[in-house]
Protein backbone atom coordinates (compact mmCIF):
# COMPACT_ATOMS: atom_id res chain seq x y z
CA UNK A 1 6.24 -0.63 -52.20
CA UNK A 2 7.29 -3.61 -50.09
CA UNK A 3 10.89 -2.40 -50.04
CA UNK A 4 9.72 1.04 -48.85
CA UNK A 5 7.74 -0.53 -45.99
CA UNK A 6 10.75 -2.63 -44.94
CA UNK A 7 13.05 0.42 -45.05
CA UNK A 8 10.53 2.41 -42.97
CA UNK A 9 10.37 -0.33 -40.32
CA UNK A 10 14.17 -0.56 -40.17
CA UNK A 11 14.45 3.23 -39.86
CA UNK A 12 11.83 3.24 -37.11
CA UNK A 13 13.65 0.67 -34.99
CA UNK A 14 16.97 2.39 -35.65
CA UNK A 15 15.48 5.65 -34.32
CA UNK A 16 14.09 3.84 -31.27
CA UNK A 17 17.49 2.33 -30.46
CA UNK A 18 19.16 5.70 -31.00
CA UNK A 19 16.64 7.35 -28.67
CA UNK A 20 17.22 4.72 -25.99
CA UNK A 21 20.99 5.25 -26.23
CA UNK A 22 20.70 9.02 -25.85
CA UNK A 23 18.13 8.70 -23.08
CA UNK A 24 20.45 6.39 -21.14
CA UNK A 25 23.31 8.88 -21.63
CA UNK A 26 21.02 11.66 -20.38
CA UNK A 27 20.10 9.70 -17.25
CA UNK A 28 23.74 8.97 -16.44
CA UNK A 29 24.74 12.60 -17.09
CA UNK A 30 21.93 13.86 -14.89
CA UNK A 31 22.98 11.53 -12.08
CA UNK A 32 26.58 12.73 -12.33
CA UNK A 33 25.53 16.38 -12.29
CA UNK A 34 23.30 15.88 -9.23
CA UNK A 35 26.13 14.09 -7.42
CA UNK A 36 28.59 16.88 -8.30
CA UNK A 37 26.18 19.63 -7.21
CA UNK A 38 25.48 17.80 -3.96
CA UNK A 39 29.20 17.48 -3.23
CA UNK A 40 29.90 21.15 -3.99
CA UNK A 41 26.87 22.69 -2.27
CA UNK A 42 26.64 20.07 0.53
CA UNK A 43 23.01 19.42 -0.40
CA UNK A 44 21.85 15.96 0.57
CA UNK A 45 19.94 14.18 -2.27
CA UNK A 46 18.33 11.94 0.34
CA UNK A 47 16.47 14.96 1.73
CA UNK A 48 14.89 15.58 -1.68
CA UNK A 49 13.74 11.97 -1.85
CA UNK A 50 12.34 12.29 1.63
CA UNK A 51 10.37 15.39 0.64
CA UNK A 52 8.95 13.53 -2.36
CA UNK A 53 7.90 10.67 -0.07
CA UNK A 54 6.27 13.14 2.31
CA UNK A 55 4.34 14.75 -0.57
CA UNK A 56 3.18 11.32 -1.72
CA UNK A 57 2.12 10.46 1.83
CA UNK A 58 0.17 13.73 2.16
CA UNK A 59 -1.57 13.12 -1.16
CA UNK A 60 -2.43 9.56 -0.15
CA UNK A 61 -3.87 10.79 3.15
CA UNK A 62 -6.12 13.24 1.31
CA UNK A 63 -7.31 10.53 -1.07
CA UNK A 64 -8.04 8.06 1.76
CA UNK A 65 -9.78 10.52 4.09
CA UNK A 66 -13.02 8.55 3.80
CA UNK A 67 -11.27 5.46 5.14
CA UNK A 68 -11.39 6.96 8.64
CA UNK A 69 -15.20 6.61 8.63
CA UNK A 70 -14.81 2.83 8.45
CA UNK A 71 -12.03 2.52 11.06
CA UNK A 72 -14.26 1.13 13.82
CA UNK A 73 -15.84 -1.42 11.49
CA UNK A 74 -12.41 -2.39 10.17
CA UNK A 75 -11.11 -3.08 13.67
CA UNK A 76 -14.03 -5.44 14.27
CA UNK A 77 -13.63 -7.19 10.91
CA UNK A 78 -9.96 -7.99 11.31
CA UNK A 79 -9.44 -11.25 9.42
CA UNK A 80 -5.70 -11.76 8.87
CA UNK A 81 -5.11 -8.20 10.11
CA UNK A 82 -5.49 -7.81 13.84
CA UNK A 83 -4.42 -4.50 15.35
CA UNK A 84 -1.14 -5.76 16.79
CA UNK A 85 -0.25 -7.36 13.44
CA UNK A 86 -0.98 -4.15 11.55
CA UNK A 87 1.03 -2.11 14.04
CA UNK A 88 3.97 -4.48 13.60
CA UNK A 89 3.74 -4.29 9.78
CA UNK A 90 3.60 -0.50 9.73
CA UNK A 91 6.57 -0.23 12.07
CA UNK A 92 8.73 -2.71 10.14
CA UNK A 93 7.82 -1.28 6.73
CA UNK A 94 8.95 2.20 7.75
CA UNK A 95 5.34 3.37 7.21
CA UNK A 96 6.13 5.36 4.03
CA UNK A 97 2.51 6.54 3.68
CA UNK A 98 2.24 7.56 7.35
CA UNK A 99 -0.76 5.35 8.02
CA UNK A 100 -2.19 4.73 11.44
CA UNK A 101 -3.57 1.38 12.51
CA UNK A 102 -7.10 2.82 12.51
CA UNK A 103 -6.80 4.25 8.99
CA UNK A 104 -5.33 1.02 7.67
CA UNK A 105 -8.23 -0.96 9.11
CA UNK A 106 -10.69 1.50 7.64
CA UNK A 107 -8.93 1.41 4.27
CA UNK A 108 -9.63 -2.33 3.93
CA UNK A 109 -13.37 -1.84 4.38
CA UNK A 110 -13.40 1.26 2.18
CA UNK A 111 -11.76 -0.62 -0.70
CA UNK A 112 -14.05 -3.59 -0.08
CA UNK A 113 -17.14 -1.39 -0.49
CA UNK A 114 -15.78 0.47 -3.51
CA UNK A 115 -14.82 -2.81 -5.19
CA UNK A 116 -18.29 -4.20 -4.48
CA UNK A 117 -19.94 -1.26 -6.24
CA UNK A 118 -17.50 -1.61 -9.13
CA UNK A 119 -18.55 -5.27 -9.39
CA UNK A 120 -22.24 -4.28 -9.45
CA UNK A 121 -21.48 -1.69 -12.15
CA UNK A 122 -19.72 -4.34 -14.22
CA UNK A 123 -22.84 -6.55 -13.97
CA UNK A 124 -25.09 -3.67 -15.06
CA UNK A 125 -22.83 -2.84 -17.99
CA UNK A 126 -22.56 -6.51 -18.88
CA UNK A 127 -18.81 -6.92 -18.88
CA UNK A 128 -17.37 -10.42 -19.45
CA UNK A 129 -17.06 -12.50 -16.27
CA UNK A 130 -18.95 -9.81 -14.34
CA UNK A 131 -20.70 -12.47 -12.23
CA UNK A 132 -17.29 -13.48 -10.91
CA UNK A 133 -16.03 -9.92 -10.56
CA UNK A 134 -18.79 -9.01 -8.12
CA UNK A 135 -17.29 -11.62 -5.75
CA UNK A 136 -13.59 -11.39 -6.55
CA UNK A 137 -13.23 -7.60 -6.59
CA UNK A 138 -14.42 -7.03 -2.98
CA UNK A 139 -12.11 -9.83 -1.77
CA UNK A 140 -9.21 -8.23 -3.63
CA UNK A 141 -10.13 -4.83 -2.25
CA UNK A 142 -9.99 -6.19 1.29
CA UNK A 143 -6.70 -8.08 0.91
CA UNK A 144 -4.74 -5.66 -1.31
CA UNK A 145 -3.68 -3.35 1.59
CA UNK A 146 -2.57 -6.40 3.60
CA UNK A 147 -0.57 -7.87 0.73
CA UNK A 148 1.03 -4.53 -0.14
CA UNK A 149 2.12 -3.72 3.40
CA UNK A 150 3.56 -7.21 3.88
CA UNK A 151 5.42 -6.92 0.58
CA UNK A 152 6.83 -3.57 1.73
CA UNK A 153 8.01 -5.14 4.98
CA UNK A 154 9.82 -7.93 3.11
CA UNK A 155 11.32 -5.49 0.61
CA UNK A 156 12.62 -3.20 3.34
CA UNK A 157 14.16 -6.00 5.37
CA UNK A 158 15.88 -7.38 2.25
CA UNK A 159 17.28 -3.93 1.52
CA UNK A 160 18.73 -3.80 5.04
CA UNK A 161 20.31 -7.23 4.52
CA UNK A 162 21.98 -6.05 1.30
CA UNK A 163 23.37 -2.77 2.67
CA UNK A 164 24.42 -4.01 6.10
CA UNK A 165 27.89 -5.52 5.32
CA UNK A 166 29.17 -2.35 3.59
CA UNK A 167 27.72 -0.23 6.37
CA UNK A 168 29.45 -2.31 9.04
CA UNK A 169 32.81 -2.19 7.26
CA UNK A 170 32.64 1.60 6.92
CA UNK A 171 31.67 2.14 10.56
CA UNK A 172 34.37 -0.31 11.71
CA UNK A 173 37.03 1.58 9.74
CA UNK A 174 35.88 4.92 11.17
CA UNK A 175 35.87 3.63 14.74
CA UNK A 176 39.33 2.08 14.32
CA UNK A 177 40.57 5.49 13.16
CA UNK A 178 39.63 6.91 16.56
CA UNK A 179 36.18 8.35 15.85
CA UNK A 180 33.48 7.79 18.45
CA UNK A 181 30.59 5.51 17.55
CA UNK A 182 28.00 8.30 17.52
CA UNK A 183 30.12 10.50 15.29
CA UNK A 184 30.95 7.57 13.01
CA UNK A 185 27.25 6.75 12.60
CA UNK A 186 26.41 10.37 11.80
CA UNK A 187 29.10 10.59 9.13
CA UNK A 188 28.66 7.14 7.60
CA UNK A 189 24.89 7.26 7.14
CA UNK A 190 25.30 10.33 4.93
CA UNK A 191 26.74 8.03 2.27
CA UNK A 192 23.90 5.49 2.48
CA UNK A 193 20.34 5.61 1.30
CA UNK A 194 17.18 3.77 2.27
CA UNK A 195 16.25 1.90 5.47
CA UNK A 196 19.79 1.74 6.92
CA UNK A 197 19.95 5.51 6.92
CA UNK A 198 16.42 5.91 8.22
CA UNK A 199 16.95 3.53 11.13
CA UNK A 200 20.26 4.93 12.35
CA UNK A 201 19.14 8.54 11.80
CA UNK A 202 16.23 7.81 14.11
CA UNK A 203 18.62 6.07 16.51
CA UNK A 204 20.85 9.17 16.64
CA UNK A 205 17.82 11.40 17.10
CA UNK A 206 16.63 9.33 20.05
CA UNK A 207 20.10 9.53 21.62
CA UNK A 208 20.08 13.32 21.17
CA UNK A 209 16.72 13.52 22.96
CA UNK A 210 18.17 11.76 26.01
CA UNK A 211 17.06 8.18 25.40
CA UNK A 212 19.44 5.64 26.91
CA UNK A 213 21.57 3.77 24.41
CA UNK A 214 20.21 0.38 25.43
CA UNK A 215 16.62 1.53 24.98
CA UNK A 216 17.46 3.00 21.56
CA UNK A 217 18.96 -0.37 20.62
CA UNK A 218 15.80 -2.12 21.81
CA UNK A 219 13.69 0.16 19.60
CA UNK A 220 15.83 -0.81 16.64
CA UNK A 221 15.08 -4.45 17.39
CA UNK A 222 11.34 -3.73 17.56
CA UNK A 223 11.34 -1.96 14.19
CA UNK A 224 13.24 -4.68 12.30
CA UNK A 225 12.95 -8.46 12.23
CA UNK A 226 15.88 -9.05 9.86
CA UNK A 227 17.97 -11.83 11.53
CA UNK A 228 21.32 -10.30 10.53
CA UNK A 229 20.34 -6.85 11.75
CA UNK A 230 18.99 -8.23 15.01
CA UNK A 231 22.21 -10.19 15.49
CA UNK A 232 24.21 -6.97 15.08
CA UNK A 233 22.13 -4.99 17.56
CA UNK A 234 22.20 -7.79 20.13
CA UNK A 235 25.98 -8.02 19.72
CA UNK A 236 26.24 -4.26 20.32
CA UNK A 237 24.11 -4.53 23.46
CA UNK A 238 26.23 -7.41 24.71
CA UNK A 239 29.44 -5.58 23.82
CA UNK A 240 28.22 -2.51 25.68
CA UNK A 241 27.54 -4.60 28.78
CA UNK A 242 30.78 -6.60 28.62
CA UNK A 243 33.08 -3.85 27.38
CA UNK A 244 33.98 -5.53 24.05
CA UNK A 245 35.58 -3.09 21.54
CA UNK A 246 32.92 -1.79 19.15
CA UNK A 247 35.21 -1.84 16.10
CA UNK A 248 35.87 -5.54 16.62
CA UNK A 249 32.13 -6.22 16.94
CA UNK A 250 31.39 -4.47 13.66
CA UNK A 251 34.23 -6.24 11.86
CA UNK A 252 33.16 -9.70 13.04
CA UNK A 253 29.53 -9.03 12.13
CA UNK A 254 30.48 -7.82 8.64
CA UNK A 255 32.54 -10.96 7.97
CA UNK A 256 29.75 -13.19 9.26
CA UNK A 257 27.17 -11.43 7.08
CA UNK A 258 29.26 -11.87 3.95
CA UNK A 259 29.69 -15.54 4.77
CA UNK A 260 25.94 -15.89 5.27
CA UNK A 261 25.28 -14.13 1.96
CA UNK A 262 27.63 -16.52 0.15
CA UNK A 263 25.84 -19.50 1.66
CA UNK A 264 22.46 -18.04 0.62
CA UNK A 265 23.67 -17.59 -2.96
CA UNK A 266 24.87 -21.20 -3.02
CA UNK A 267 21.54 -22.35 -1.63
CA UNK A 268 19.60 -20.40 -4.28
CA UNK A 269 21.84 -21.86 -7.00
CA UNK A 270 21.20 -25.38 -5.67
CA UNK A 271 17.44 -24.75 -5.67
CA UNK A 272 17.56 -23.40 -9.22
CA UNK A 273 19.03 -26.61 -10.68
CA UNK A 274 15.92 -28.82 -10.19
CA UNK A 275 13.72 -26.01 -11.60
CA UNK A 276 15.86 -25.81 -14.73
CA UNK A 277 15.66 -29.61 -15.03
CA UNK A 278 11.86 -29.50 -14.79
CA UNK A 279 11.62 -26.80 -17.46
CA UNK A 280 13.96 -28.75 -19.73
CA UNK A 281 12.12 -32.03 -19.16
CA UNK A 282 8.52 -30.86 -19.50
CA UNK A 283 8.82 -27.94 -21.93
CA UNK A 284 11.97 -27.83 -24.02
CA UNK A 285 12.41 -31.56 -24.59
CA UNK A 286 8.78 -32.26 -25.70
CA UNK A 287 8.78 -29.24 -28.02
CA UNK A 288 12.08 -30.33 -29.58
CA UNK A 289 10.76 -33.87 -30.09
CA UNK A 290 7.54 -32.54 -31.66
CA UNK A 291 9.50 -30.31 -34.02
CA UNK A 292 11.76 -33.17 -35.14
CA UNK A 293 8.78 -35.52 -35.53
CA UNK A 294 6.88 -32.85 -37.46
CA UNK A 295 9.77 -32.33 -39.85
CA UNK A 296 10.06 -36.07 -40.39
CA UNK A 297 6.32 -36.38 -41.11
CA UNK A 298 6.41 -33.39 -43.51
CA UNK A 299 9.40 -34.90 -45.30
CA UNK A 300 7.59 -38.22 -45.61
CA UNK A 301 4.45 -36.56 -46.98
CA UNK A 302 5.84 -33.68 -49.04
CA UNK A 303 9.50 -34.58 -49.77
CA UNK A 304 11.04 -36.02 -52.93
CA UNK A 305 10.62 -39.53 -51.60
CA UNK A 306 7.09 -38.85 -50.35
CA UNK A 307 4.83 -41.76 -49.63
CA UNK A 308 2.14 -40.02 -51.69
CA UNK A 309 4.32 -40.27 -54.80
CA UNK A 310 4.15 -44.04 -54.58
CA UNK A 311 0.43 -44.01 -55.33
């Protein structure tokens, strides 16, 4: 019976590993097929992702309709979330859920009230730690939208930092081949995904609507606080004023960004060393000493030359 149980467990884990292998192959095959179909039919996969984001935003707006009723109260109770701060966060996060400042402020109060009633319900039901939940849940409900939007801002700016060097190299190569900057941007962004594409697609759209190039550049600066990205846009503005070749500007910026990234990796590696030392000193070393001491004590008490055998 024991052998049958062991064989069943082994067969189960073998099937799980086999399923994971085939599932991974399926995901890779699906990605290759979508890429091939997009290349043949000239269908942009980014547009499908954008439609999914729009559907999610519409669904979120329907769910949070009641938040509008608390917008005025939320703008008065604006701890750590004044209107200009919220507006800046929404702009720099790309506002994926299409929130307005008023709805965001109302959403805080709405979640605060809902969390308060959930805390009261937990007290009535008698859940463990319910006396703390009635205080902690409303505080969490108030701060969760703030924390999430700030996390989205940081995530988006980090994504821009990662994609920027490759984007600059590609644009520089296109411009050096004789393509105009506007045409190079339109062609290059088709091969990128995420915030880089969103920002420069909006930039091109503003240029098409008649916005001056300098003003479009200024809007890019307002929507992003990434130092590397801001350095690029300021260099483009300066190059436009002074007549510096654009291809050279992109090439220099790409090299500088890669150098900065290398320095950041070295800095992170240097910061990791003391953390590893702390873990080794306070966790691994004491556990190893305890294990060795425990084995010695067990050998002294239960071994062939046990102290107990002497009595």
